[in-house]
C-alpha atoms as a PDB file:
ATOM      1  CA  UNK A   1     121.652-279.620  68.897  1.00  0.00           C
ATOM      2  CA  UNK A   2     120.117-276.495  68.053  1.00  0.00           C
ATOM      3  CA  UNK A   3     123.103-274.603  67.931  1.00  0.00           C
ATOM      4  CA  UNK A   4     124.339-277.006  65.347  1.00  0.00           C
ATOM      5  CA  UNK A   5     121.469-276.706  63.492  1.00  0.00           C
ATOM      6  CA  UNK A   6     121.055-272.958  63.270  1.00  0.00           C
ATOM      7  CA  UNK A   7     122.882-271.351  60.424  1.00  0.00           C
ATOM      8  CA  UNK A   8     125.341-268.827  60.887  1.00  0.00           C
ATOM      9  CA  UNK A   9     124.763-265.462  59.940  1.00  0.00           C
ATOM     10  CA  UNK A  10     125.269-264.597  56.500  1.00  0.00           C
ATOM     11  CA  UNK A  11     126.425-268.095  55.651  1.00  0.00           C
ATOM     12  CA  UNK A  12     123.479-268.598  53.403  1.00  0.00           C
ATOM     13  CA  UNK A  13     124.119-265.629  51.192  1.00  0.00           C
ATOM     14  CA  UNK A  14     128.512-266.744  51.506  1.00  0.00           C
ATOM     15  CA  UNK A  15     131.313-264.449  51.981  1.00  0.00           C
ATOM     16  CA  UNK A  16     130.549-260.621  51.439  1.00  0.00           C
ATOM     17  CA  UNK A  17     132.684-260.042  47.799  1.00  0.00           C
ATOM     18  CA  UNK A  18     135.721-257.811  48.372  1.00  0.00           C
ATOM     19  CA  UNK A  19     135.862-254.990  46.204  1.00  0.00           C
ATOM     20  CA  UNK A  20     138.514-254.950  43.835  1.00  0.00           C
ATOM     21  CA  UNK A  21     140.384-251.818  42.305  1.00  0.00           C
ATOM     22  CA  UNK A  22     138.684-250.005  40.009  1.00  0.00           C
ATOM     23  CA  UNK A  23     138.811-249.564  36.204  1.00  0.00           C
ATOM     24  CA  UNK A  24     138.752-246.535  34.433  1.00  0.00           C
ATOM     25  CA  UNK A  25     138.306-246.471  30.479  1.00  0.00           C
ATOM     26  CA  UNK A  26     141.094-248.133  28.622  1.00  0.00           C
ATOM     27  CA  UNK A  27     143.459-245.945  27.484  1.00  0.00           C
ATOM     28  CA  UNK A  28     144.865-247.354  23.727  1.00  0.00           C
ATOM     29  CA  UNK A  29     148.694-247.422  23.304  1.00  0.00           C
ATOM     30  CA  UNK A  30     150.195-246.065  20.196  1.00  0.00           C
ATOM     31  CA  UNK A  31     149.917-249.154  18.139  1.00  0.00           C
ATOM     32  CA  UNK A  32     146.502-250.263  19.258  1.00  0.00           C
ATOM     33  CA  UNK A  33     145.904-246.779  17.448  1.00  0.00           C
ATOM     34  CA  UNK A  34     147.620-247.292  14.485  1.00  0.00           C
ATOM     35  CA  UNK A  35     146.812-250.712  13.817  1.00  0.00           C
ATOM     36  CA  UNK A  36     143.029-250.181  12.266  1.00  0.00           C
ATOM     37  CA  UNK A  37     144.133-247.644   9.996  1.00  0.00           C
ATOM     38  CA  UNK A  38     146.982-249.343   8.325  1.00  0.00           C
ATOM     39  CA  UNK A  39     144.953-252.624   7.975  1.00  0.00           C
ATOM     40  CA  UNK A  40     142.235-250.637   6.477  1.00  0.00           C
ATOM     41  CA  UNK A  41     145.036-249.054   4.031  1.00  0.00           C
ATOM     42  CA  UNK A  42     146.638-252.846   3.336  1.00  0.00           C
ATOM     43  CA  UNK A  43     143.084-254.233   2.485  1.00  0.00           C
ATOM     44  CA  UNK A  44     142.512-251.254   0.282  1.00  0.00           C
ATOM     45  CA  UNK A  45     145.786-251.686  -1.516  1.00  0.00           C
ATOM     46  CA  UNK A  46     145.082-255.481  -1.864  1.00  0.00           C
ATOM     47  CA  UNK A  47     141.847-254.587  -3.174  1.00  0.00           C
ATOM     48  CA  UNK A  48     143.343-252.606  -6.156  1.00  0.00           C
ATOM     49  CA  UNK A  49     145.997-255.180  -6.702  1.00  0.00           C
ATOM     50  CA  UNK A  50     143.733-257.756  -7.060  1.00  0.00           C
ATOM     51  CA  UNK A  51     141.780-256.159  -9.938  1.00  0.00           C
ATOM     52  CA  UNK A  52     144.067-254.342 -11.842  1.00  0.00           C
ATOM     53  CA  UNK A  53     147.087-256.719 -12.207  1.00  0.00           C
ATOM     54  CA  UNK A  54     145.320-259.981 -10.894  1.00  0.00           C
ATOM     55  CA  UNK A  55     141.930-260.123 -12.193  1.00  0.00           C
ATOM     56  CA  UNK A  56     142.522-257.211 -14.927  1.00  0.00           C
ATOM     57  CA  UNK A  57     138.816-256.009 -14.703  1.00  0.00           C
ATOM     58  CA  UNK A  58     139.740-252.684 -14.810  1.00  0.00           C
ATOM     59  CA  UNK A  59     141.606-250.710 -17.653  1.00  0.00           C
ATOM     60  CA  UNK A  60     144.979-249.685 -16.631  1.00  0.00           C
ATOM     61  CA  UNK A  61     143.712-245.931 -18.678  1.00  0.00           C
ATOM     62  CA  UNK A  62     141.162-245.914 -16.134  1.00  0.00           C
ATOM     63  CA  UNK A  63     142.998-247.532 -12.907  1.00  0.00           C
ATOM     64  CA  UNK A  64     146.653-248.390 -13.403  1.00  0.00           C
ATOM     65  CA  UNK A  65     148.168-250.912 -10.724  1.00  0.00           C
ATOM     66  CA  UNK A  66     149.732-249.383  -7.734  1.00  0.00           C
ATOM     67  CA  UNK A  67     153.269-250.288  -8.995  1.00  0.00           C
ATOM     68  CA  UNK A  68     152.546-248.166 -11.643  1.00  0.00           C
ATOM     69  CA  UNK A  69     151.584-245.076  -9.652  1.00  0.00           C
ATOM     70  CA  UNK A  70     154.425-245.745  -6.863  1.00  0.00           C
ATOM     71  CA  UNK A  71     156.791-245.575  -9.917  1.00  0.00           C
ATOM     72  CA  UNK A  72     155.238-242.250 -11.356  1.00  0.00           C
ATOM     73  CA  UNK A  73     155.501-240.759  -7.623  1.00  0.00           C
ATOM     74  CA  UNK A  74     159.385-241.667  -7.422  1.00  0.00           C
ATOM     75  CA  UNK A  75     160.083-240.604 -10.841  1.00  0.00           C
ATOM     76  CA  UNK A  76     159.718-236.878  -9.776  1.00  0.00           C
ATOM     77  CA  UNK A  77     158.595-236.969  -5.874  1.00  0.00           C
ATOM     78  CA  UNK A  78     160.118-232.827  -5.848  1.00  0.00           C
ATOM     79  CA  UNK A  79     157.417-232.031  -8.622  1.00  0.00           C
ATOM     80  CA  UNK A  80     154.624-233.845  -6.437  1.00  0.00           C
ATOM     81  CA  UNK A  81     155.553-232.414  -3.188  1.00  0.00           C
ATOM     82  CA  UNK A  82     155.736-228.736  -4.833  1.00  0.00           C
ATOM     83  CA  UNK A  83     152.376-229.301  -5.946  1.00  0.00           C
ATOM     84  CA  UNK A  84     151.230-230.986  -2.913  1.00  0.00           C
ATOM     85  CA  UNK A  85     152.762-228.044  -1.071  1.00  0.00           C
ATOM     86  CA  UNK A  86     150.740-225.538  -3.321  1.00  0.00           C
ATOM     87  CA  UNK A  87     147.000-227.177  -2.499  1.00  0.00           C
ATOM     88  CA  UNK A  88     147.697-227.657   1.226  1.00  0.00           C
ATOM     89  CA  UNK A  89     148.642-223.844   1.675  1.00  0.00           C
ATOM     90  CA  UNK A  90     145.688-222.834  -0.420  1.00  0.00           C
ATOM     91  CA  UNK A  91     143.460-225.544   1.468  1.00  0.00           C
ATOM     92  CA  UNK A  92     144.406-224.192   4.766  1.00  0.00           C
ATOM     93  CA  UNK A  93     144.278-220.191   4.137  1.00  0.00           C
ATOM     94  CA  UNK A  94     140.885-221.026   2.116  1.00  0.00           C
ATOM     95  CA  UNK A  95     139.784-222.606   5.514  1.00  0.00           C
ATOM     96  CA  UNK A  96     140.959-220.391   8.106  1.00  0.00           C
ATOM     97  CA  UNK A  97     139.297-217.325   6.159  1.00  0.00           C
ATOM     98  CA  UNK A  98     136.186-219.133   5.833  1.00  0.00           C
ATOM     99  CA  UNK A  99     136.349-220.402   9.360  1.00  0.00           C
ATOM    100  CA  UNK A 100     136.793-216.577  10.573  1.00  0.00           C
ATOM    101  CA  UNK A 101     133.660-215.589   8.616  1.00  0.00           C
ATOM    102  CA  UNK A 102     131.823-218.221   9.119  1.00  0.00           C
ATOM    103  CA  UNK A 103     131.684-217.895  12.783  1.00  0.00           C
ATOM    104  CA  UNK A 104     131.076-213.945  12.832  1.00  0.00           C
ATOM    105  CA  UNK A 105     127.949-214.989  10.675  1.00  0.00           C
ATOM    106  CA  UNK A 106     126.941-217.619  12.840  1.00  0.00           C
ATOM    107  CA  UNK A 107     127.372-215.166  16.052  1.00  0.00           C
ATOM    108  CA  UNK A 108     125.533-212.551  14.162  1.00  0.00           C
ATOM    109  CA  UNK A 109     122.544-215.259  13.007  1.00  0.00           C
ATOM    110  CA  UNK A 110     122.395-216.443  16.579  1.00  0.00           C
ATOM    111  CA  UNK A 111     122.098-212.899  17.785  1.00  0.00           C
ATOM    112  CA  UNK A 112     119.331-211.585  16.377  1.00  0.00           C
ATOM    113  CA  UNK A 113     116.574-213.115  14.950  1.00  0.00           C
ATOM    114  CA  UNK A 114     116.023-210.380  12.389  1.00  0.00           C
ATOM    115  CA  UNK A 115     118.922-211.074  10.962  1.00  0.00           C
ATOM    116  CA  UNK A 116     118.474-215.128  10.961  1.00  0.00           C
ATOM    117  CA  UNK A 117     115.328-214.460   9.182  1.00  0.00           C
ATOM    118  CA  UNK A 118     116.533-212.019   6.717  1.00  0.00           C
ATOM    119  CA  UNK A 119     119.701-214.395   5.583  1.00  0.00           C
ATOM    120  CA  UNK A 120     119.345-217.402   6.295  1.00  0.00           C
ATOM    121  CA  UNK A 121     117.319-218.330   3.059  1.00  0.00           C
ATOM    122  CA  UNK A 122     120.061-216.132   1.010  1.00  0.00           C
ATOM    123  CA  UNK A 123     122.582-218.618   2.505  1.00  0.00           C
ATOM    124  CA  UNK A 124     121.005-221.698   1.837  1.00  0.00           C
ATOM    125  CA  UNK A 125     120.319-220.751  -1.756  1.00  0.00           C
ATOM    126  CA  UNK A 126     124.173-219.581  -2.186  1.00  0.00           C
ATOM    127  CA  UNK A 127     125.343-223.099  -0.692  1.00  0.00           C
ATOM    128  CA  UNK A 128     122.848-224.664  -3.017  1.00  0.00           C
ATOM    129  CA  UNK A 129     124.653-222.981  -6.140  1.00  0.00           C
ATOM    130  CA  UNK A 130     126.883-225.514  -7.869  1.00  0.00           C
ATOM    131  CA  UNK A 131     130.492-224.164  -6.883  1.00  0.00           C
ATOM    132  CA  UNK A 132     132.275-225.785 -10.064  1.00  0.00           C
ATOM    133  CA  UNK A 133     129.652-223.357 -12.472  1.00  0.00           C
ATOM    134  CA  UNK A 134     131.176-220.226 -10.718  1.00  0.00           C
ATOM    135  CA  UNK A 135     134.422-221.574 -11.880  1.00  0.00           C
ATOM    136  CA  UNK A 136     134.846-219.749 -15.124  1.00  0.00           C
ATOM    137  CA  UNK A 137     132.879-216.885 -13.406  1.00  0.00           C
ATOM    138  CA  UNK A 138     135.434-216.170 -10.912  1.00  0.00           C
ATOM    139  CA  UNK A 139     138.336-216.669 -13.682  1.00  0.00           C
ATOM    140  CA  UNK A 140     136.689-213.774 -15.451  1.00  0.00           C
ATOM    141  CA  UNK A 141     136.539-211.570 -12.063  1.00  0.00           C
ATOM    142  CA  UNK A 142     139.420-212.489 -10.584  1.00  0.00           C
ATOM    143  CA  UNK A 143     141.959-213.947 -13.396  1.00  0.00           C
ATOM    144  CA  UNK A 144     144.035-217.020 -13.088  1.00  0.00           C
ATOM    145  CA  UNK A 145     145.953-217.651  -9.622  1.00  0.00           C
ATOM    146  CA  UNK A 146     145.232-218.031  -5.496  1.00  0.00           C
ATOM    147  CA  UNK A 147     142.350-215.737  -6.150  1.00  0.00           C
ATOM    148  CA  UNK A 148     139.899-217.892  -7.508  1.00  0.00           C
ATOM    149  CA  UNK A 149     141.225-220.811  -6.188  1.00  0.00           C
ATOM    150  CA  UNK A 150     140.885-219.646  -2.265  1.00  0.00           C
ATOM    151  CA  UNK A 151     137.219-217.903  -3.124  1.00  0.00           C
ATOM    152  CA  UNK A 152     136.343-221.537  -4.161  1.00  0.00           C
ATOM    153  CA  UNK A 153     137.432-223.105  -0.915  1.00  0.00           C
ATOM    154  CA  UNK A 154     135.529-220.286   0.824  1.00  0.00           C
ATOM    155  CA  UNK A 155     132.415-220.772  -0.684  1.00  0.00           C
ATOM    156  CA  UNK A 156     132.505-224.803  -0.511  1.00  0.00           C
ATOM    157  CA  UNK A 157     133.143-225.135   3.116  1.00  0.00           C
ATOM    158  CA  UNK A 158     131.733-221.880   4.889  1.00  0.00           C
ATOM    159  CA  UNK A 159     127.939-223.047   5.138  1.00  0.00           C
ATOM    160  CA  UNK A 160     129.050-225.710   7.632  1.00  0.00           C
ATOM    161  CA  UNK A 161     130.884-223.402  10.073  1.00  0.00           C
ATOM    162  CA  UNK A 162     128.007-220.960   9.753  1.00  0.00           C
ATOM    163  CA  UNK A 163     125.278-223.505  10.496  1.00  0.00           C
ATOM    164  CA  UNK A 164     127.383-225.202  13.239  1.00  0.00           C
ATOM    165  CA  UNK A 165     128.188-221.955  15.011  1.00  0.00           C
ATOM    166  CA  UNK A 166     124.126-220.469  14.948  1.00  0.00           C
ATOM    167  CA  UNK A 167     123.257-224.088  16.086  1.00  0.00           C
ATOM    168  CA  UNK A 168     126.079-224.229  18.481  1.00  0.00           C
ATOM    169  CA  UNK A 169     125.065-220.773  20.320  1.00  0.00           C
ATOM    170  CA  UNK A 170     120.657-221.211  20.211  1.00  0.00           C
ATOM    171  CA  UNK A 171     121.081-224.771  21.935  1.00  0.00           C
ATOM    172  CA  UNK A 172     122.606-223.898  25.281  1.00  0.00           C
ATOM    173  CA  UNK A 173     121.710-226.550  28.173  1.00  0.00           C
ATOM    174  CA  UNK A 174     118.644-225.035  30.073  1.00  0.00           C
ATOM    175  CA  UNK A 175     120.185-225.401  33.131  1.00  0.00           C
ATOM    176  CA  UNK A 176     123.419-223.892  32.114  1.00  0.00           C
ATOM    177  CA  UNK A 177     121.413-220.659  30.911  1.00  0.00           C
ATOM    178  CA  UNK A 178     119.087-220.960  34.468  1.00  0.00           C
ATOM    179  CA  UNK A 179     122.451-220.868  36.294  1.00  0.00           C
ATOM    180  CA  UNK A 180     123.887-217.757  34.488  1.00  0.00           C
ATOM    181  CA  UNK A 181     120.359-215.980  35.247  1.00  0.00           C
ATOM    182  CA  UNK A 182     120.514-217.427  38.792  1.00  0.00           C
ATOM    183  CA  UNK A 183     124.113-215.221  39.546  1.00  0.00           C
ATOM    184  CA  UNK A 184     122.747-212.370  37.611  1.00  0.00           C
ATOM    185  CA  UNK A 185     125.291-212.527  34.916  1.00  0.00           C
ATOM    186  CA  UNK A 186     125.438-209.725  32.564  1.00  0.00           C
ATOM    187  CA  UNK A 187     124.900-210.698  28.570  1.00  0.00           C
ATOM    188  CA  UNK A 188     128.711-210.717  27.750  1.00  0.00           C
ATOM    189  CA  UNK A 189     129.232-212.614  30.800  1.00  0.00           C
ATOM    190  CA  UNK A 190     126.786-215.332  29.942  1.00  0.00           C
ATOM    191  CA  UNK A 191     128.278-215.293  26.271  1.00  0.00           C
ATOM    192  CA  UNK A 192     131.871-215.951  27.143  1.00  0.00           C
ATOM    193  CA  UNK A 193     131.441-218.034  30.501  1.00  0.00           C
ATOM    194  CA  UNK A 194     128.448-220.284  29.128  1.00  0.00           C
ATOM    195  CA  UNK A 195     126.721-219.869  25.696  1.00  0.00           C
ATOM    196  CA  UNK A 196     130.321-219.956  23.981  1.00  0.00           C
ATOM    197  CA  UNK A 197     131.833-222.977  25.705  1.00  0.00           C
ATOM    198  CA  UNK A 198     128.755-224.925  25.299  1.00  0.00           C
ATOM    199  CA  UNK A 199     128.571-224.406  21.577  1.00  0.00           C
ATOM    200  CA  UNK A 200     132.117-224.758  20.698  1.00  0.00           C
ATOM    201  CA  UNK A 201     131.677-228.479  20.429  1.00  0.00           C
ATOM    202  CA  UNK A 202     129.234-227.948  17.907  1.00  0.00           C
ATOM    203  CA  UNK A 203     131.311-225.888  16.220  1.00  0.00           C
ATOM    204  CA  UNK A 204     134.475-228.118  15.879  1.00  0.00           C
ATOM    205  CA  UNK A 205     131.842-230.330  14.258  1.00  0.00           C
ATOM    206  CA  UNK A 206     131.354-227.932  11.573  1.00  0.00           C
ATOM    207  CA  UNK A 207     134.884-227.296  11.131  1.00  0.00           C
ATOM    208  CA  UNK A 208     135.510-231.042  10.882  1.00  0.00           C
ATOM    209  CA  UNK A 209     132.832-231.280   8.298  1.00  0.00           C
ATOM    210  CA  UNK A 210     134.360-228.218   6.417  1.00  0.00           C
ATOM    211  CA  UNK A 211     137.954-229.266   6.164  1.00  0.00           C
ATOM    212  CA  UNK A 212     137.764-232.220   3.893  1.00  0.00           C
ATOM    213  CA  UNK A 213     135.229-229.796   1.775  1.00  0.00           C
ATOM    214  CA  UNK A 214     137.698-226.992   1.869  1.00  0.00           C
ATOM    215  CA  UNK A 215     140.635-229.301   0.085  1.00  0.00           C
ATOM    216  CA  UNK A 216     137.602-230.278  -2.537  1.00  0.00           C
ATOM    217  CA  UNK A 217     137.555-226.833  -3.130  1.00  0.00           C
ATOM    218  CA  UNK A 218     140.975-226.245  -3.556  1.00  0.00           C
ATOM    219  CA  UNK A 219     141.146-228.926  -5.834  1.00  0.00           C
ATOM    220  CA  UNK A 220     138.457-227.448  -7.993  1.00  0.00           C
ATOM    221  CA  UNK A 221     139.615-224.033  -8.139  1.00  0.00           C
ATOM    222  CA  UNK A 222     142.826-225.600  -9.621  1.00  0.00           C
ATOM    223  CA  UNK A 223     141.066-227.389 -11.958  1.00  0.00           C
ATOM    224  CA  UNK A 224     139.498-224.344 -13.298  1.00  0.00           C
ATOM    225  CA  UNK A 225     142.258-221.580 -12.439  1.00  0.00           C
ATOM    226  CA  UNK A 226     144.956-222.591 -11.059  1.00  0.00           C
ATOM    227  CA  UNK A 227     148.710-222.370 -12.184  1.00  0.00           C
ATOM    228  CA  UNK A 228     150.261-224.972  -9.548  1.00  0.00           C
ATOM    229  CA  UNK A 229     148.853-227.453  -7.114  1.00  0.00           C
ATOM    230  CA  UNK A 230     147.759-231.058  -7.330  1.00  0.00           C
ATOM    231  CA  UNK A 231     143.994-230.026  -9.410  1.00  0.00           C
ATOM    232  CA  UNK A 232     146.159-228.406 -12.023  1.00  0.00           C
ATOM    233  CA  UNK A 233     148.710-231.641 -12.034  1.00  0.00           C
ATOM    234  CA  UNK A 234     145.670-233.524 -12.654  1.00  0.00           C
ATOM    235  CA  UNK A 235     144.269-232.044 -15.389  1.00  0.00           C
ATOM    236  CA  UNK A 236     147.654-231.701 -17.021  1.00  0.00           C
ATOM    237  CA  UNK A 237     148.392-235.374 -16.733  1.00  0.00           C
ATOM    238  CA  UNK A 238     144.817-236.319 -17.744  1.00  0.00           C
ATOM    239  CA  UNK A 239     145.284-234.365 -20.914  1.00  0.00           C
ATOM    240  CA  UNK A 240     148.308-236.426 -22.172  1.00  0.00           C
ATOM    241  CA  UNK A 241     146.893-239.805 -21.071  1.00  0.00           C
ATOM    242  CA  UNK A 242     149.197-240.277 -17.962  1.00  0.00           C
ATOM    243  CA  UNK A 243     146.817-241.674 -15.777  1.00  0.00           C
ATOM    244  CA  UNK A 244     149.734-243.184 -13.290  1.00  0.00           C
ATOM    245  CA  UNK A 245     150.385-239.441 -12.826  1.00  0.00           C
ATOM    246  CA  UNK A 246     146.885-238.259 -12.036  1.00  0.00           C
ATOM    247  CA  UNK A 247     146.309-241.094  -9.608  1.00  0.00           C
ATOM    248  CA  UNK A 248     149.444-240.187  -8.003  1.00  0.00           C
ATOM    249  CA  UNK A 249     148.291-236.508  -7.426  1.00  0.00           C
ATOM    250  CA  UNK A 250     144.974-237.824  -6.058  1.00  0.00           C
ATOM    251  CA  UNK A 251     146.449-240.562  -3.525  1.00  0.00           C
ATOM    252  CA  UNK A 252     148.442-237.161  -1.979  1.00  0.00           C
ATOM    253  CA  UNK A 253     145.335-234.912  -2.290  1.00  0.00           C
ATOM    254  CA  UNK A 254     143.775-237.793  -0.005  1.00  0.00           C
ATOM    255  CA  UNK A 255     146.755-238.189   2.780  1.00  0.00           C
ATOM    256  CA  UNK A 256     146.629-234.411   2.864  1.00  0.00           C
ATOM    257  CA  UNK A 257     143.109-234.057   3.727  1.00  0.00           C
ATOM    258  CA  UNK A 258     143.656-236.786   6.395  1.00  0.00           C
ATOM    259  CA  UNK A 259     146.425-235.364   8.156  1.00  0.00           C
ATOM    260  CA  UNK A 260     144.643-231.711   8.061  1.00  0.00           C
ATOM    261  CA  UNK A 261     141.400-233.634   9.598  1.00  0.00           C
ATOM    262  CA  UNK A 262     143.323-235.172  12.048  1.00  0.00           C
ATOM    263  CA  UNK A 263     145.482-232.458  12.935  1.00  0.00           C
ATOM    264  CA  UNK A 264     141.753-230.211  13.541  1.00  0.00           C
ATOM    265  CA  UNK A 265     141.380-233.321  15.965  1.00  0.00           C
ATOM    266  CA  UNK A 266     144.176-232.914  17.880  1.00  0.00           C
ATOM    267  CA  UNK A 267     143.803-229.249  18.293  1.00  0.00           C
ATOM    268  CA  UNK A 268     140.075-230.247  19.425  1.00  0.00           C
ATOM    269  CA  UNK A 269     141.645-232.400  22.219  1.00  0.00           C
ATOM    270  CA  UNK A 270     143.819-229.582  23.083  1.00  0.00           C
ATOM    271  CA  UNK A 271     141.153-226.848  23.374  1.00  0.00           C
ATOM    272  CA  UNK A 272     138.285-228.511  24.669  1.00  0.00           C
ATOM    273  CA  UNK A 273     139.914-231.403  26.954  1.00  0.00           C
ATOM    274  CA  UNK A 274     136.764-231.500  29.042  1.00  0.00           C
ATOM    275  CA  UNK A 275     134.709-233.341  26.012  1.00  0.00           C
ATOM    276  CA  UNK A 276     136.139-236.507  26.504  1.00  0.00           C
ATOM    277  CA  UNK A 277     136.226-236.793  30.146  1.00  0.00           C
ATOM    278  CA  UNK A 278     132.374-235.655  30.015  1.00  0.00           C
ATOM    279  CA  UNK A 279     131.101-237.637  27.067  1.00  0.00           C
ATOM    280  CA  UNK A 280     130.982-241.500  26.499  1.00  0.00           C
ATOM    281  CA  UNK A 281     130.472-243.644  23.352  1.00  0.00           C
ATOM    282  CA  UNK A 282     129.036-246.509  25.428  1.00  0.00           C
END
């Protein structure tokens, strides 16, 4: 009686759970990555078609229907792609030049408090100047062609790179800096092994901010001084009232910017593989 009335040890809490296999973070397939952008694109096209073709609340002279824009591109695809190639080259070359100079300037500002105090107000002032106001001056100084366009790209996108580089290099985690000191690392070794790797994610943030600005700078430069490119094509088409051609060029600028931005994202993932492994989106 007493033995039957005694609960067996562990019976009150129930059987112990059997640990299952550990499930890591879910990896999205190619379809899972591509489906949301495609859905967003289809929704945007649907709203565009509804406003221009069904409700007709926007005049075609302002925004033509999607079919008219597609017809304008299909009438001369080689022409559009030639201009898109020129704009892409100017965007990439100007971005590379501004990235090199921006990183060097950021390194200088991070390495010297005197230089930081001397030149940071000047850089802020240059960044605050409306770049489109410099277009006529650049044409007068550099003439027509790619030189003023590249200069416009440089002026428009180098400041975020300078800021992100200086911020990343002056925000080294305290534990990493202490580790470098405890290992008696030289200043160059601490920079190469600790400060620069810790700053790279922040530098790439500035690069990703600057990439769309580079495309904007190229188009603004082509508005002012271009002899080819999508900005030049928009000006030419808008001058004769061909809004379908102008909008086709605008859409190509957007597609070009998307491709260049995600190429930079892929470069970041390849160059900084540890960032995805050590961070979480919650």
